[in-house]
Amino acid sequence: MPEKTLRLGVNIDHVATVRNARGSAYPDPLRAAQIAQEAGADGITAHLREDRRHISDSDIEGLMQNLSLPLNFEMAATDEMQAIALRHRPHAVCLVPEKREERTTEGGLEVAREENRLAHFIAPLREAGCRVSIFIAADRRQIEAAHRIGAEVIELHTGAYCDAHAEGRLDARDDELVRLTEMARFADSLGLEVHAGHGLTYDTVQPVAALPEVRELNIGHFLIGEAIFLGLAPAIGEMRRLMDAARA
């Protein structure tokens, strides 16, 4: 059933991006995670990519050893990443599509075409106690497939909605919001927990936060960008305020 409480997961990937630009030890993603916790985050998200372009293996180790918030470990559905997840056993594992040439995750995972492989892939993760989430487009076919393979959570890709808003395509933005609304309701009716994220900003977060079926938002790049101007804690605090206002 829909709940009033809405969780905020803060993605710290791009703290590591800044660190890696100079090959130094700072800024430290773990310190960012600790500040996020103090500022009102309910969880931390980190995406360990195949090419290690931002988060590193040692970052994951440090987060698991020192973080008191739940860790949402984003990863591609590969044998290497499965082995890492099984070794660390984070609170949640979110499967995302991944291509080396992309700047960021460009779309949702194609679950329907890989249903059998993904069902076998997530079984050991669930047995190890990880909550398995699938990052997918707001599409009925993908949601049904995620449900069939045994995922407990889906995260709806909000990128198309946010891009349409940023580009001034307001009719397309509104159409995307309708689609997100309908698919959040549909996923909830199947018993899936519904999360959402990708590209959310202060200007776009409230309509998504207001959807009663959505239980968690995962936001990263925008918050790290705003932290340059406001500081990380105030940037997160403002996002938390907007989310709470929308939910109220």
C-alpha atoms as a PDB file:
ATOM      1  CA  MET A   1       0.000   0.000   0.000  1.00  0.00           C
ATOM      2  CA  PRO A   2       1.192   3.592  -0.613  1.00  0.00           C
ATOM      3  CA  GLU A   3       2.927   5.199   2.356  1.00  0.00           C
ATOM      4  CA  LYS A   4       3.385   8.823   3.311  1.00  0.00           C
ATOM      5  CA  THR A   5       7.072   8.492   4.174  1.00  0.00           C
ATOM      6  CA  LEU A   6       9.427   9.158   1.249  1.00  0.00           C
ATOM      7  CA  ARG A   7      13.088   8.193   1.541  1.00  0.00           C
ATOM      8  CA  LEU A   8      15.982  10.069  -0.046  1.00  0.00           C
ATOM      9  CA  GLY A   9      18.949   8.112  -1.350  1.00  0.00           C
ATOM     10  CA  VAL A  10      21.969  10.276  -2.174  1.00  0.00           C
ATOM     11  CA  ASN A  11      24.210   9.085  -4.990  1.00  0.00           C
ATOM     12  CA  ILE A  12      27.858   9.936  -4.293  1.00  0.00           C
ATOM     13  CA  ASP A  13      29.330   8.793  -7.629  1.00  0.00           C
ATOM     14  CA  HIS A  14      30.358  12.245  -8.769  1.00  0.00           C
ATOM     15  CA  VAL A  15      32.251  13.072  -5.608  1.00  0.00           C
ATOM     16  CA  ALA A  16      34.502  10.273  -6.828  1.00  0.00           C
ATOM     17  CA  THR A  17      34.467  11.770 -10.344  1.00  0.00           C
ATOM     18  CA  VAL A  18      35.978  14.996  -8.992  1.00  0.00           C
ATOM     19  CA  ARG A  19      38.539  13.052  -6.957  1.00  0.00           C
ATOM     20  CA  ASN A  20      39.570  10.947  -9.921  1.00  0.00           C
ATOM     21  CA  ALA A  21      40.037  14.002 -12.159  1.00  0.00           C
ATOM     22  CA  ARG A  22      43.262  14.732 -10.279  1.00  0.00           C
ATOM     23  CA  GLY A  23      44.109  11.207  -9.199  1.00  0.00           C
ATOM     24  CA  SER A  24      44.169  12.315  -5.569  1.00  0.00           C
ATOM     25  CA  ALA A  25      42.583  11.059  -2.359  1.00  0.00           C
ATOM     26  CA  TYR A  26      40.018  13.855  -2.084  1.00  0.00           C
ATOM     27  CA  PRO A  27      37.210  14.683  -2.087  1.00  0.00           C
ATOM     28  CA  ASP A  28      36.421  11.466  -0.229  1.00  0.00           C
ATOM     29  CA  PRO A  29      33.093   9.774  -1.157  1.00  0.00           C
ATOM     30  CA  LEU A  30      32.842   8.269   2.336  1.00  0.00           C
ATOM     31  CA  ARG A  31      33.016  11.738   3.892  1.00  0.00           C
ATOM     32  CA  ALA A  32      30.285  12.850   1.478  1.00  0.00           C
ATOM     33  CA  ALA A  33      28.156   9.887   2.566  1.00  0.00           C
ATOM     34  CA  GLN A  34      28.607  10.812   6.218  1.00  0.00           C
ATOM     35  CA  ILE A  35      27.626  14.435   5.535  1.00  0.00           C
ATOM     36  CA  ALA A  36      24.608  13.209   3.571  1.00  0.00           C
ATOM     37  CA  GLN A  37      23.512  11.137   6.551  1.00  0.00           C
ATOM     38  CA  GLU A  38      23.751  14.138   8.866  1.00  0.00           C
ATOM     39  CA  ALA A  39      21.809  16.249   6.347  1.00  0.00           C
ATOM     40  CA  GLY A  40      18.821  13.892   6.269  1.00  0.00           C
ATOM     41  CA  ALA A  41      19.594  11.235   3.659  1.00  0.00           C
ATOM     42  CA  ASP A  42      18.039   7.839   4.295  1.00  0.00           C
ATOM     43  CA  GLY A  43      20.496   5.851   2.209  1.00  0.00           C
ATOM     44  CA  ILE A  44      23.565   6.083   0.001  1.00  0.00           C
ATOM     45  CA  THR A  45      23.801   4.969  -3.613  1.00  0.00           C
ATOM     46  CA  ALA A  46      27.091   4.107  -5.347  1.00  0.00           C
ATOM     47  CA  HIS A  47      27.541   2.703  -8.861  1.00  0.00           C
ATOM     48  CA  LEU A  48      30.625   0.562  -9.342  1.00  0.00           C
ATOM     49  CA  ARG A  49      31.151   0.616 -13.106  1.00  0.00           C
ATOM     50  CA  GLU A  50      33.132  -1.912 -15.093  1.00  0.00           C
ATOM     51  CA  ASP A  51      35.635   0.803 -16.081  1.00  0.00           C
ATOM     52  CA  ARG A  52      35.785   2.225 -12.500  1.00  0.00           C
ATOM     53  CA  ARG A  53      35.359   5.746 -13.861  1.00  0.00           C
ATOM     54  CA  HIS A  54      34.206   7.104 -10.495  1.00  0.00           C
ATOM     55  CA  ILE A  55      33.474   4.774  -7.573  1.00  0.00           C
ATOM     56  CA  SER A  56      36.294   2.307  -6.877  1.00  0.00           C
ATOM     57  CA  ASP A  57      36.413  -1.082  -5.190  1.00  0.00           C
ATOM     58  CA  SER A  58      38.038   0.520  -2.148  1.00  0.00           C
ATOM     59  CA  ASP A  59      35.177   3.041  -1.962  1.00  0.00           C
ATOM     60  CA  ILE A  60      32.692   0.173  -1.680  1.00  0.00           C
ATOM     61  CA  GLU A  61      34.813  -1.468   1.006  1.00  0.00           C
ATOM     62  CA  GLY A  62      35.009   1.781   2.957  1.00  0.00           C
ATOM     63  CA  LEU A  63      31.287   2.411   2.703  1.00  0.00           C
ATOM     64  CA  MET A  64      30.436  -1.102   3.856  1.00  0.00           C
ATOM     65  CA  GLN A  65      32.824  -0.882   6.817  1.00  0.00           C
ATOM     66  CA  ASN A  66      32.031   2.636   8.004  1.00  0.00           C
ATOM     67  CA  LEU A  67      28.572   3.667   6.814  1.00  0.00           C
ATOM     68  CA  SER A  68      25.590   3.284   9.117  1.00  0.00           C
ATOM     69  CA  LEU A  69      23.042   4.109   6.406  1.00  0.00           C
ATOM     70  CA  PRO A  70      21.864   1.386   4.008  1.00  0.00           C
ATOM     71  CA  LEU A  71      24.006   1.116   0.862  1.00  0.00           C
ATOM     72  CA  ASN A  72      22.298   0.786  -2.507  1.00  0.00           C
ATOM     73  CA  PHE A  73      24.936  -0.840  -4.717  1.00  0.00           C
ATOM     74  CA  GLU A  74      24.257  -0.036  -8.381  1.00  0.00           C
ATOM     75  CA  MET A  75      25.840  -2.433 -10.840  1.00  0.00           C
ATOM     76  CA  ALA A  76      25.589  -4.068 -14.225  1.00  0.00           C
ATOM     77  CA  ALA A  77      24.362  -7.665 -14.388  1.00  0.00           C
ATOM     78  CA  THR A  78      27.828  -9.202 -14.896  1.00  0.00           C
ATOM     79  CA  ASP A  79      29.603 -12.068 -13.180  1.00  0.00           C
ATOM     80  CA  GLU A  80      32.273  -9.707 -11.820  1.00  0.00           C
ATOM     81  CA  MET A  81      29.730  -7.422 -10.191  1.00  0.00           C
ATOM     82  CA  GLN A  82      27.689 -10.299  -8.835  1.00  0.00           C
ATOM     83  CA  ALA A  83      30.798 -11.657  -7.115  1.00  0.00           C
ATOM     84  CA  ILE A  84      31.539  -8.250  -5.567  1.00  0.00           C
ATOM     85  CA  ALA A  85      27.957  -7.900  -4.331  1.00  0.00           C
ATOM     86  CA  LEU A  86      27.991 -11.389  -2.847  1.00  0.00           C
ATOM     87  CA  ARG A  87      31.253 -10.632  -1.054  1.00  0.00           C
ATOM     88  CA  HIS A  88      30.006  -7.389   0.509  1.00  0.00           C
ATOM     89  CA  ARG A  89      26.278  -8.159   0.812  1.00  0.00           C
ATOM     90  CA  PRO A  90      24.988  -4.561   0.715  1.00  0.00           C
ATOM     91  CA  HIS A  91      21.479  -3.726   1.857  1.00  0.00           C
ATOM     92  CA  ALA A  92      20.301  -3.368  -1.739  1.00  0.00           C
ATOM     93  CA  VAL A  93      21.557  -4.175  -5.214  1.00  0.00           C
ATOM     94  CA  CYS A  94      20.148  -2.166  -8.114  1.00  0.00           C
ATOM     95  CA  LEU A  95      20.743  -3.621 -11.572  1.00  0.00           C
ATOM     96  CA  VAL A  96      21.315  -0.978 -14.227  1.00  0.00           C
ATOM     97  CA  PRO A  97      22.272  -1.078 -17.917  1.00  0.00           C
ATOM     98  CA  GLU A  98      25.837  -0.070 -18.618  1.00  0.00           C
ATOM     99  CA  LYS A  99      27.778   0.836 -21.762  1.00  0.00           C
ATOM    100  CA  ARG A 100      31.382   2.002 -21.735  1.00  0.00           C
ATOM    101  CA  GLU A 101      30.742   4.852 -24.179  1.00  0.00           C
ATOM    102  CA  GLU A 102      27.841   6.435 -22.301  1.00  0.00           C
ATOM    103  CA  ARG A 103      28.317   9.481 -20.078  1.00  0.00           C
ATOM    104  CA  THR A 104      25.668   8.316 -17.645  1.00  0.00           C
ATOM    105  CA  THR A 105      23.044   5.571 -17.505  1.00  0.00           C
ATOM    106  CA  GLU A 106      21.001   6.319 -20.609  1.00  0.00           C
ATOM    107  CA  GLY A 107      17.898   4.214 -20.102  1.00  0.00           C
ATOM    108  CA  GLY A 108      16.269   1.439 -18.176  1.00  0.00           C
ATOM    109  CA  LEU A 109      17.392  -2.172 -18.126  1.00  0.00           C
ATOM    110  CA  GLU A 110      15.862  -4.395 -20.815  1.00  0.00           C
ATOM    111  CA  VAL A 111      14.342  -7.017 -18.537  1.00  0.00           C
ATOM    112  CA  ALA A 112      11.736  -8.533 -20.847  1.00  0.00           C
ATOM    113  CA  ARG A 113      14.318  -9.674 -23.431  1.00  0.00           C
ATOM    114  CA  GLU A 114      16.655 -11.145 -20.798  1.00  0.00           C
ATOM    115  CA  GLU A 115      14.134 -12.494 -18.369  1.00  0.00           C
ATOM    116  CA  ASN A 116      15.582 -15.987 -17.962  1.00  0.00           C
ATOM    117  CA  ARG A 117      19.192 -14.818 -17.535  1.00  0.00           C
ATOM    118  CA  LEU A 118      18.274 -12.108 -15.053  1.00  0.00           C
ATOM    119  CA  ALA A 119      16.072 -14.451 -13.016  1.00  0.00           C
ATOM    120  CA  HIS A 120      19.051 -16.770 -12.508  1.00  0.00           C
ATOM    121  CA  PHE A 121      21.374 -13.809 -11.933  1.00  0.00           C
ATOM    122  CA  ILE A 122      19.405 -12.296  -9.052  1.00  0.00           C
ATOM    123  CA  ALA A 123      18.595 -15.554  -7.246  1.00  0.00           C
ATOM    124  CA  PRO A 124      21.966 -15.769  -5.401  1.00  0.00           C
ATOM    125  CA  LEU A 125      21.749 -12.086  -4.490  1.00  0.00           C
ATOM    126  CA  ARG A 126      18.368 -12.573  -2.867  1.00  0.00           C
ATOM    127  CA  GLU A 127      19.610 -15.692  -1.091  1.00  0.00           C
ATOM    128  CA  ALA A 128      22.497 -13.611   0.300  1.00  0.00           C
ATOM    129  CA  GLY A 129      20.003 -11.174   1.841  1.00  0.00           C
ATOM    130  CA  CYS A 130      20.291  -8.307  -0.663  1.00  0.00           C
ATOM    131  CA  ARG A 131      17.146  -6.511  -1.746  1.00  0.00           C
ATOM    132  CA  VAL A 132      17.169  -6.610  -5.538  1.00  0.00           C
ATOM    133  CA  SER A 133      16.020  -3.556  -7.463  1.00  0.00           C
ATOM    134  CA  ILE A 134      15.750  -3.161 -11.236  1.00  0.00           C
ATOM    135  CA  PHE A 135      16.247   0.232 -12.892  1.00  0.00           C
ATOM    136  CA  ILE A 136      13.694   0.351 -15.708  1.00  0.00           C
ATOM    137  CA  ALA A 137      11.696   2.646 -17.936  1.00  0.00           C
ATOM    138  CA  ALA A 138       8.104   3.382 -16.967  1.00  0.00           C
ATOM    139  CA  ASP A 139       6.853   0.601 -19.216  1.00  0.00           C
ATOM    140  CA  ARG A 140       4.267  -2.043 -18.325  1.00  0.00           C
ATOM    141  CA  ARG A 141       6.127  -4.828 -20.144  1.00  0.00           C
ATOM    142  CA  GLN A 142       9.347  -4.200 -18.229  1.00  0.00           C
ATOM    143  CA  ILE A 143       7.536  -3.922 -14.903  1.00  0.00           C
ATOM    144  CA  GLU A 144       5.752  -7.223 -15.464  1.00  0.00           C
ATOM    145  CA  ALA A 145       9.057  -8.889 -16.353  1.00  0.00           C
ATOM    146  CA  ALA A 146      10.775  -7.468 -13.255  1.00  0.00           C
ATOM    147  CA  HIS A 147       7.963  -8.869 -11.151  1.00  0.00           C
ATOM    148  CA  ARG A 148       8.209 -12.306 -12.761  1.00  0.00           C
ATOM    149  CA  ILE A 149      11.951 -12.657 -12.204  1.00  0.00           C
ATOM    150  CA  GLY A 150      11.589 -12.013  -8.470  1.00  0.00           C
ATOM    151  CA  ALA A 151      12.752  -8.419  -8.055  1.00  0.00           C
ATOM    152  CA  GLU A 152      11.455  -6.827  -4.876  1.00  0.00           C
ATOM    153  CA  VAL A 153      11.907  -3.228  -6.036  1.00  0.00           C
ATOM    154  CA  ILE A 154      11.811  -1.294  -9.285  1.00  0.00           C
ATOM    155  CA  GLU A 155      13.340   2.132  -9.810  1.00  0.00           C
ATOM    156  CA  LEU A 156      11.557   4.127 -12.497  1.00  0.00           C
ATOM    157  CA  HIS A 157      13.857   6.074 -14.826  1.00  0.00           C
ATOM    158  CA  THR A 158      12.830   9.754 -14.615  1.00  0.00           C
ATOM    159  CA  GLY A 159      15.361  10.980 -17.178  1.00  0.00           C
ATOM    160  CA  ALA A 160      12.920  11.535 -20.049  1.00  0.00           C
ATOM    161  CA  TYR A 161      10.634  13.583 -17.781  1.00  0.00           C
ATOM    162  CA  CYS A 162      13.533  15.711 -16.512  1.00  0.00           C
ATOM    163  CA  ASP A 163      15.047  16.201 -19.974  1.00  0.00           C
ATOM    164  CA  ALA A 164      11.715  17.354 -21.409  1.00  0.00           C
ATOM    165  CA  HIS A 165      11.367  19.890 -18.602  1.00  0.00           C
ATOM    166  CA  ALA A 166      14.908  21.211 -19.079  1.00  0.00           C
ATOM    167  CA  GLU A 167      14.385  21.575 -22.824  1.00  0.00           C
ATOM    168  CA  GLY A 168      11.058  23.387 -22.455  1.00  0.00           C
ATOM    169  CA  ARG A 169       9.044  20.569 -24.056  1.00  0.00           C
ATOM    170  CA  LEU A 170       6.249  20.936 -21.546  1.00  0.00           C
ATOM    171  CA  ASP A 171       3.674  18.737 -23.278  1.00  0.00           C
ATOM    172  CA  ALA A 172       6.217  15.905 -23.480  1.00  0.00           C
ATOM    173  CA  ARG A 173       7.147  16.502 -19.846  1.00  0.00           C
ATOM    174  CA  ASP A 174       3.512  16.230 -18.795  1.00  0.00           C
ATOM    175  CA  ASP A 175       3.054  13.065 -20.862  1.00  0.00           C
ATOM    176  CA  GLU A 176       6.073  11.521 -19.150  1.00  0.00           C
ATOM    177  CA  LEU A 177       4.701  12.430 -15.745  1.00  0.00           C
ATOM    178  CA  VAL A 178       1.396  10.737 -16.610  1.00  0.00           C
ATOM    179  CA  ARG A 179       3.333   7.642 -17.665  1.00  0.00           C
ATOM    180  CA  LEU A 180       5.339   7.639 -14.425  1.00  0.00           C
ATOM    181  CA  THR A 181       2.143   8.080 -12.411  1.00  0.00           C
ATOM    182  CA  GLU A 182       0.359   5.197 -14.125  1.00  0.00           C
ATOM    183  CA  MET A 183       3.324   2.825 -13.993  1.00  0.00           C
ATOM    184  CA  ALA A 184       4.066   3.588 -10.339  1.00  0.00           C
ATOM    185  CA  ARG A 185       0.475   2.681  -9.568  1.00  0.00           C
ATOM    186  CA  PHE A 186       0.675  -0.481 -11.686  1.00  0.00           C
ATOM    187  CA  ALA A 187       3.940  -1.657 -10.086  1.00  0.00           C
ATOM    188  CA  ASP A 188       2.543  -1.055  -6.624  1.00  0.00           C
ATOM    189  CA  SER A 189      -0.517  -3.142  -7.509  1.00  0.00           C
ATOM    190  CA  LEU A 190       1.829  -6.063  -8.254  1.00  0.00           C
ATOM    191  CA  GLY A 191       3.410  -5.764  -4.818  1.00  0.00           C
ATOM    192  CA  LEU A 192       6.641  -4.178  -6.043  1.00  0.00           C
ATOM    193  CA  GLU A 193       8.214  -1.390  -4.014  1.00  0.00           C
ATOM    194  CA  VAL A 194       8.559   1.656  -6.252  1.00  0.00           C
ATOM    195  CA  HIS A 195      11.581   3.969  -6.334  1.00  0.00           C
ATOM    196  CA  ALA A 196      12.414   6.677  -8.879  1.00  0.00           C
ATOM    197  CA  GLY A 197      15.430   8.627 -10.014  1.00  0.00           C
ATOM    198  CA  HIS A 198      17.699  10.063 -12.703  1.00  0.00           C
ATOM    199  CA  GLY A 199      18.091  13.739 -13.494  1.00  0.00           C
ATOM    200  CA  LEU A 200      15.846  15.039 -10.713  1.00  0.00           C
ATOM    201  CA  THR A 201      16.407  18.666  -9.660  1.00  0.00           C
ATOM    202  CA  TYR A 202      14.745  21.174  -7.369  1.00  0.00           C
ATOM    203  CA  ASP A 203      12.510  22.138 -10.302  1.00  0.00           C
ATOM    204  CA  THR A 204      11.388  18.616 -11.181  1.00  0.00           C
ATOM    205  CA  VAL A 205      11.382  16.661  -7.934  1.00  0.00           C
ATOM    206  CA  GLN A 206       8.047  17.630  -6.420  1.00  0.00           C
ATOM    207  CA  PRO A 207       5.627  16.103  -8.977  1.00  0.00           C
ATOM    208  CA  VAL A 208       7.475  12.795  -8.655  1.00  0.00           C
ATOM    209  CA  ALA A 209       7.764  13.067  -4.878  1.00  0.00           C
ATOM    210  CA  ALA A 210       4.012  13.596  -4.710  1.00  0.00           C
ATOM    211  CA  LEU A 211       3.271  10.177  -6.250  1.00  0.00           C
ATOM    212  CA  PRO A 212       1.968   8.164  -3.279  1.00  0.00           C
ATOM    213  CA  GLU A 213       3.296   4.824  -4.544  1.00  0.00           C
ATOM    214  CA  VAL A 214       6.884   6.050  -4.740  1.00  0.00           C
ATOM    215  CA  ARG A 215       8.803   5.117  -1.600  1.00  0.00           C
ATOM    216  CA  GLU A 216      12.292   6.381  -2.423  1.00  0.00           C
ATOM    217  CA  LEU A 217      14.046   8.868  -4.692  1.00  0.00           C
ATOM    218  CA  ASN A 218      17.699   8.434  -5.628  1.00  0.00           C
ATOM    219  CA  ILE A 219      19.403  11.702  -6.553  1.00  0.00           C
ATOM    220  CA  GLY A 220      23.078  12.382  -7.149  1.00  0.00           C
ATOM    221  CA  HIS A 221      24.550  14.500  -9.928  1.00  0.00           C
ATOM    222  CA  PHE A 222      22.360  17.549  -9.278  1.00  0.00           C
ATOM    223  CA  LEU A 223      23.085  17.518  -5.549  1.00  0.00           C
ATOM    224  CA  ILE A 224      26.833  17.273  -6.054  1.00  0.00           C
ATOM    225  CA  GLY A 225      26.610  20.167  -8.510  1.00  0.00           C
ATOM    226  CA  GLU A 226      24.586  22.303  -6.110  1.00  0.00           C
ATOM    227  CA  ALA A 227      27.077  21.502  -3.362  1.00  0.00           C
ATOM    228  CA  ILE A 228      29.661  23.577  -5.219  1.00  0.00           C
ATOM    229  CA  PHE A 229      27.520  26.649  -4.582  1.00  0.00           C
ATOM    230  CA  LEU A 230      25.639  25.819  -1.385  1.00  0.00           C
ATOM    231  CA  GLY A 231      27.637  23.125   0.358  1.00  0.00           C
ATOM    232  CA  LEU A 232      26.566  19.483   0.394  1.00  0.00           C
ATOM    233  CA  ALA A 233      24.498  19.536   3.580  1.00  0.00           C
ATOM    234  CA  PRO A 234      22.397  22.610   2.563  1.00  0.00           C
ATOM    235  CA  ALA A 235      21.910  21.188  -0.948  1.00  0.00           C
ATOM    236  CA  ILE A 236      20.582  17.924   0.478  1.00  0.00           C
ATOM    237  CA  GLY A 237      18.541  19.786   3.083  1.00  0.00           C
ATOM    238  CA  GLU A 238      16.736  21.778   0.401  1.00  0.00           C
ATOM    239  CA  MET A 239      15.961  18.632  -1.586  1.00  0.00           C
ATOM    240  CA  ARG A 240      14.666  16.991   1.573  1.00  0.00           C
ATOM    241  CA  ARG A 241      12.468  20.041   2.261  1.00  0.00           C
ATOM    242  CA  LEU A 242      10.963  19.989  -1.240  1.00  0.00           C
ATOM    243  CA  MET A 243      10.296  16.254  -1.057  1.00  0.00           C
ATOM    244  CA  ASP A 244       8.609  16.553   2.335  1.00  0.00           C
ATOM    245  CA  ALA A 245       6.498  19.494   1.162  1.00  0.00           C
ATOM    246  CA  ALA A 246       5.333  17.568  -1.893  1.00  0.00           C
ATOM    247  CA  ARG A 247       4.461  14.543   0.212  1.00  0.00           C
ATOM    248  CA  ALA A 248       2.553  16.586   2.767  1.00  0.00           C
END
